[in-house]
Amino acid sequence: MAGQGLSDDEVRSIREALAAGRRPKVVFTASAGQIAGQLGQVVQLTDPTVSDEFVVVRFGRDELPFSPADVAIAPRGAGRRPVEAKPEPPADETAVEPEFVLDTPPVPAPRREESKVEQQVEAKPAARRSVKAAKPKGPAGLTVTLAYAEGEWTVAAQQGAKALAKPYVVKPAEALRMVALVDVPGVQEAVEQILTAERAEAEQQAEKLRAELAEIEARLAELREAG
């Protein structure tokens, strides 16, 4: 049965596990809706001050954000397939000796021409089977992730289990253009809110620096007059 959500200590444990390269398993609780009782893997923890849904869980081929109340730590052994019992080999049966033995005349060996034709006929189906077995596999799935944490936007790319590009920093304007390409309700608004908050913080820092610079210039002017 699904648990009652993640505690603060469990969230800290998951963050440490992700930093060590592990992906903890979780089970969806009743607050997650129809997928309650299903298993997933935590792949990322985003900034909880930006959104309550900061637990990014891989479910099937999707990576979706959930709140700590939507998931719980999966019990040990969850998701493992039971080992199937191997069928016992049948008991050896005693071979029954025939009561009568019939002598049959030996079959004459086929001529070389007939053997050659038979080999060619057998080779054709074998060639067809090898052509069917040589079908190339399709390319592995490609995942591109745009993330925001600690005041920086990063982009990472992964194809299957291979990391094509480690997370690298991009400018906020580039992040906004990337999000504009994805027509998902609420996503662009959330990015714009983050950029607005960063812009306001930068303006406050600039105003503070201008005030400090004005004080330094006034002090310098006084020193020049005194000299």
Protein backbone atom coordinates (compact mmCIF):
# COMPACT_ATOMS: atom_id res chain seq x y z
CA MET A 1 0.00 0.00 0.00
CA ALA A 2 1.27 3.47 -0.87
CA GLY A 3 2.68 5.57 1.97
CA GLN A 4 1.68 9.01 3.20
CA GLY A 5 4.33 11.05 1.40
CA LEU A 6 7.96 12.03 1.99
CA SER A 7 9.21 13.52 5.25
CA ASP A 8 11.90 16.23 5.36
CA ASP A 9 14.48 13.62 6.40
CA GLU A 10 13.53 11.40 3.45
CA VAL A 11 13.82 14.35 1.06
CA ARG A 12 17.33 15.01 2.40
CA SER A 13 18.21 11.32 1.97
CA ILE A 14 16.98 11.39 -1.64
CA ARG A 15 19.04 14.51 -2.36
CA GLU A 16 22.17 12.78 -0.98
CA ALA A 17 21.43 9.65 -3.05
CA LEU A 18 21.08 11.73 -6.25
CA ALA A 19 24.37 13.46 -5.50
CA ALA A 20 25.97 10.00 -5.24
CA GLY A 21 24.63 9.02 -8.66
CA ARG A 22 21.72 6.82 -7.46
CA ARG A 23 18.05 7.14 -8.41
CA PRO A 24 15.86 6.14 -5.45
CA LYS A 25 12.64 4.24 -6.13
CA VAL A 26 9.35 5.73 -4.91
CA VAL A 27 5.73 4.63 -4.96
CA PHE A 28 2.91 7.04 -5.80
CA THR A 29 0.45 7.80 -2.98
CA ALA A 30 -3.32 8.29 -3.20
CA SER A 31 -2.85 12.05 -3.70
CA ALA A 32 -1.15 11.29 -7.07
CA GLY A 33 -4.49 10.15 -8.51
CA GLN A 34 -4.91 7.24 -10.91
CA ILE A 35 -1.24 6.18 -10.76
CA ALA A 36 -1.39 5.49 -7.01
CA GLY A 37 0.53 2.33 -6.14
CA GLN A 38 2.75 2.52 -9.25
CA LEU A 39 6.57 2.71 -8.98
CA GLY A 40 8.88 5.43 -10.29
CA GLN A 41 12.46 6.71 -9.94
CA VAL A 42 13.49 10.12 -8.61
CA VAL A 43 15.84 11.71 -11.16
CA GLN A 44 16.05 15.28 -9.82
CA LEU A 45 15.07 17.62 -6.97
CA THR A 46 14.44 21.18 -8.13
CA ASP A 47 14.14 24.33 -5.99
CA PRO A 48 11.27 23.86 -3.47
CA THR A 49 11.00 27.67 -3.03
CA VAL A 50 9.94 28.02 -6.68
CA SER A 51 7.29 25.26 -6.76
CA ASP A 52 5.81 22.72 -4.34
CA GLU A 53 6.18 20.09 -7.09
CA PHE A 54 9.98 19.84 -6.95
CA VAL A 55 10.35 16.03 -6.92
CA VAL A 56 10.99 15.04 -10.57
CA VAL A 57 10.04 11.35 -11.04
CA ARG A 58 10.63 9.15 -14.09
CA PHE A 59 7.44 7.15 -14.75
CA GLY A 60 7.65 5.02 -17.89
CA ARG A 61 9.24 7.28 -20.54
CA ASP A 62 8.16 10.56 -18.89
CA GLU A 63 9.85 12.72 -16.25
CA LEU A 64 7.20 14.67 -14.33
CA PRO A 65 7.28 16.91 -11.23
CA PHE A 66 5.37 15.90 -8.08
CA SER A 67 5.03 17.23 -4.55
CA PRO A 68 6.48 15.28 -1.59
CA ALA A 69 2.91 14.29 -0.63
CA ASP A 70 2.43 12.50 -3.98
CA VAL A 71 5.23 9.94 -3.47
CA ALA A 72 6.69 7.76 -0.73
CA ILE A 73 9.84 5.65 -0.36
CA ALA A 74 9.28 2.31 -2.12
CA PRO A 75 9.54 -0.78 0.11
CA ARG A 76 12.57 -3.02 -0.29
CA GLY A 77 12.29 -5.49 -3.14
CA ALA A 78 9.53 -3.55 -4.90
CA GLY A 79 9.55 -3.92 -8.67
CA ARG A 80 11.62 -7.11 -8.71
CA ARG A 81 10.27 -10.01 -10.73
CA PRO A 82 9.72 -13.26 -8.81
CA VAL A 83 12.07 -16.06 -9.73
CA GLU A 84 10.22 -18.67 -11.71
CA ALA A 85 10.72 -22.26 -10.56
CA LYS A 86 12.47 -24.32 -13.16
CA PRO A 87 10.47 -27.38 -14.20
CA GLU A 88 11.94 -30.64 -12.99
CA PRO A 89 13.36 -32.80 -15.75
CA PRO A 90 11.25 -35.85 -16.55
CA ALA A 91 12.35 -39.09 -15.03
CA ASP A 92 14.47 -41.30 -17.22
CA GLU A 93 12.42 -43.91 -18.90
CA THR A 94 13.86 -47.35 -19.48
CA ALA A 95 14.33 -47.95 -23.19
CA VAL A 96 12.18 -50.77 -24.45
CA GLU A 97 14.01 -53.27 -26.62
CA PRO A 98 12.16 -54.20 -29.84
CA GLU A 99 10.88 -57.75 -30.02
CA PHE A 100 11.57 -58.07 -33.76
CA VAL A 101 14.37 -56.68 -35.95
CA LEU A 102 13.69 -56.19 -39.65
CA ASP A 103 16.56 -56.16 -42.11
CA THR A 104 16.17 -53.34 -44.67
CA PRO A 105 18.25 -52.93 -47.79
CA PRO A 106 20.73 -49.98 -47.70
CA VAL A 107 19.54 -46.74 -49.40
CA PRO A 108 21.75 -45.86 -52.37
CA ALA A 109 23.72 -42.63 -52.01
CA PRO A 110 22.41 -39.72 -54.18
CA ARG A 111 24.42 -38.65 -57.15
CA ARG A 112 26.67 -35.59 -56.81
CA GLU A 113 24.38 -33.49 -59.03
CA GLU A 114 21.34 -34.19 -56.83
CA SER A 115 23.28 -33.37 -53.62
CA LYS A 116 24.45 -30.07 -55.09
CA VAL A 117 20.86 -29.04 -56.02
CA GLU A 118 19.58 -29.92 -52.52
CA GLN A 119 22.33 -27.84 -50.88
CA GLN A 120 21.43 -24.82 -53.03
CA VAL A 121 17.70 -25.15 -52.16
CA GLU A 122 18.53 -25.38 -48.43
CA ALA A 123 20.88 -22.38 -48.66
CA LYS A 124 18.16 -20.04 -50.03
CA PRO A 125 15.78 -20.24 -47.00
CA ALA A 126 18.79 -19.88 -44.68
CA ALA A 127 19.82 -16.69 -46.53
CA ARG A 128 16.29 -15.27 -46.15
CA ARG A 129 16.32 -15.97 -42.42
CA SER A 130 19.68 -14.23 -41.98
CA VAL A 131 18.39 -11.14 -43.84
CA LYS A 132 15.37 -10.93 -41.54
CA ALA A 133 17.55 -11.32 -38.44
CA ALA A 134 19.85 -8.48 -39.53
CA LYS A 135 17.23 -5.74 -39.05
CA PRO A 136 18.93 -2.69 -37.53
CA LYS A 137 17.71 -1.49 -34.15
CA GLY A 138 16.12 1.94 -33.89
CA PRO A 139 18.00 4.79 -32.20
CA ALA A 140 17.75 5.17 -28.43
CA GLY A 141 15.43 7.84 -27.00
CA LEU A 142 16.78 11.38 -26.65
CA THR A 143 16.08 13.48 -23.52
CA VAL A 144 16.90 17.21 -23.28
CA THR A 145 16.43 18.77 -19.82
CA LEU A 146 16.19 22.50 -19.03
CA ALA A 147 16.56 23.10 -15.28
CA TYR A 148 16.72 26.09 -12.90
CA ALA A 149 18.49 25.93 -9.54
CA GLU A 150 20.36 28.39 -7.31
CA GLY A 151 19.95 31.29 -9.74
CA GLU A 152 21.27 29.48 -12.83
CA TRP A 153 19.63 27.89 -15.89
CA THR A 154 21.23 24.69 -17.18
CA VAL A 155 20.64 22.42 -20.19
CA ALA A 156 21.59 18.71 -20.37
CA ALA A 157 21.10 16.05 -23.07
CA GLN A 158 21.02 12.26 -22.76
CA GLN A 159 20.40 9.49 -25.33
CA GLY A 160 19.44 6.22 -23.71
CA ALA A 161 21.93 5.64 -20.88
CA LYS A 162 24.63 7.82 -22.51
CA ALA A 163 25.06 11.48 -21.47
CA LEU A 164 25.54 13.53 -24.63
CA ALA A 165 26.04 16.82 -22.79
CA LYS A 166 26.60 17.42 -19.10
CA PRO A 167 24.51 20.26 -17.57
CA TYR A 168 25.90 23.60 -18.79
CA VAL A 169 24.81 27.14 -17.93
CA VAL A 170 22.68 29.15 -20.39
CA LYS A 171 21.52 32.76 -20.27
CA PRO A 172 18.00 33.52 -18.97
CA ALA A 173 16.97 34.90 -22.38
CA GLU A 174 18.02 31.64 -24.04
CA ALA A 175 16.06 29.63 -21.45
CA LEU A 176 12.96 31.74 -22.15
CA ARG A 177 13.30 31.13 -25.91
CA MET A 178 13.58 27.37 -25.32
CA VAL A 179 10.46 27.34 -23.16
CA ALA A 180 8.57 29.38 -25.79
CA LEU A 181 9.04 26.48 -28.22
CA VAL A 182 7.12 24.15 -25.87
CA ASP A 183 3.41 25.01 -25.83
CA VAL A 184 2.64 23.76 -22.31
CA PRO A 185 0.22 25.84 -20.16
CA GLY A 186 1.84 27.32 -17.08
CA VAL A 187 5.46 26.56 -17.99
CA GLN A 188 6.23 29.87 -19.72
CA GLU A 189 4.46 31.81 -16.95
CA ALA A 190 6.58 30.06 -14.32
CA VAL A 191 9.80 30.94 -16.21
CA GLU A 192 8.72 34.58 -16.58
CA GLN A 193 8.03 34.79 -12.83
CA ILE A 194 11.54 33.50 -12.10
CA LEU A 195 13.10 36.00 -14.51
CA THR A 196 11.04 38.86 -13.00
CA ALA A 197 12.22 37.98 -9.49
CA GLU A 198 15.86 37.79 -10.66
CA ARG A 199 15.51 41.14 -12.47
CA ALA A 200 14.13 42.81 -9.34
CA GLU A 201 16.95 41.40 -7.22
CA ALA A 202 19.57 42.58 -9.73
CA GLU A 203 18.07 46.11 -9.77
CA GLN A 204 18.23 46.27 -5.96
CA GLN A 205 21.88 45.23 -6.01
CA ALA A 206 22.66 47.80 -8.72
CA GLU A 207 20.92 50.57 -6.72
CA LYS A 208 22.91 49.61 -3.64
CA LEU A 209 26.19 49.68 -5.57
CA ARG A 210 25.35 53.09 -7.07
CA ALA A 211 24.70 54.48 -3.58
CA GLU A 212 28.01 53.08 -2.30
CA LEU A 213 29.82 54.51 -5.33
CA ALA A 214 28.30 57.96 -4.72
CA GLU A 215 29.55 57.91 -1.11
CA ILE A 216 33.06 56.93 -2.25
CA GLU A 217 33.15 59.72 -4.88
CA ALA A 218 31.97 62.28 -2.30
CA ARG A 219 34.69 61.15 0.10
CA LEU A 220 37.30 61.37 -2.69
CA ALA A 221 36.19 64.91 -3.53
CA GLU A 222 36.60 65.95 0.12
CA LEU A 223 40.10 64.50 0.23
CA ARG A 224 41.07 66.38 -2.95
CA GLU A 225 39.84 69.69 -1.51
CA ALA A 226 41.74 69.06 1.68
CA GLY A 227 44.94 68.45 -0.32
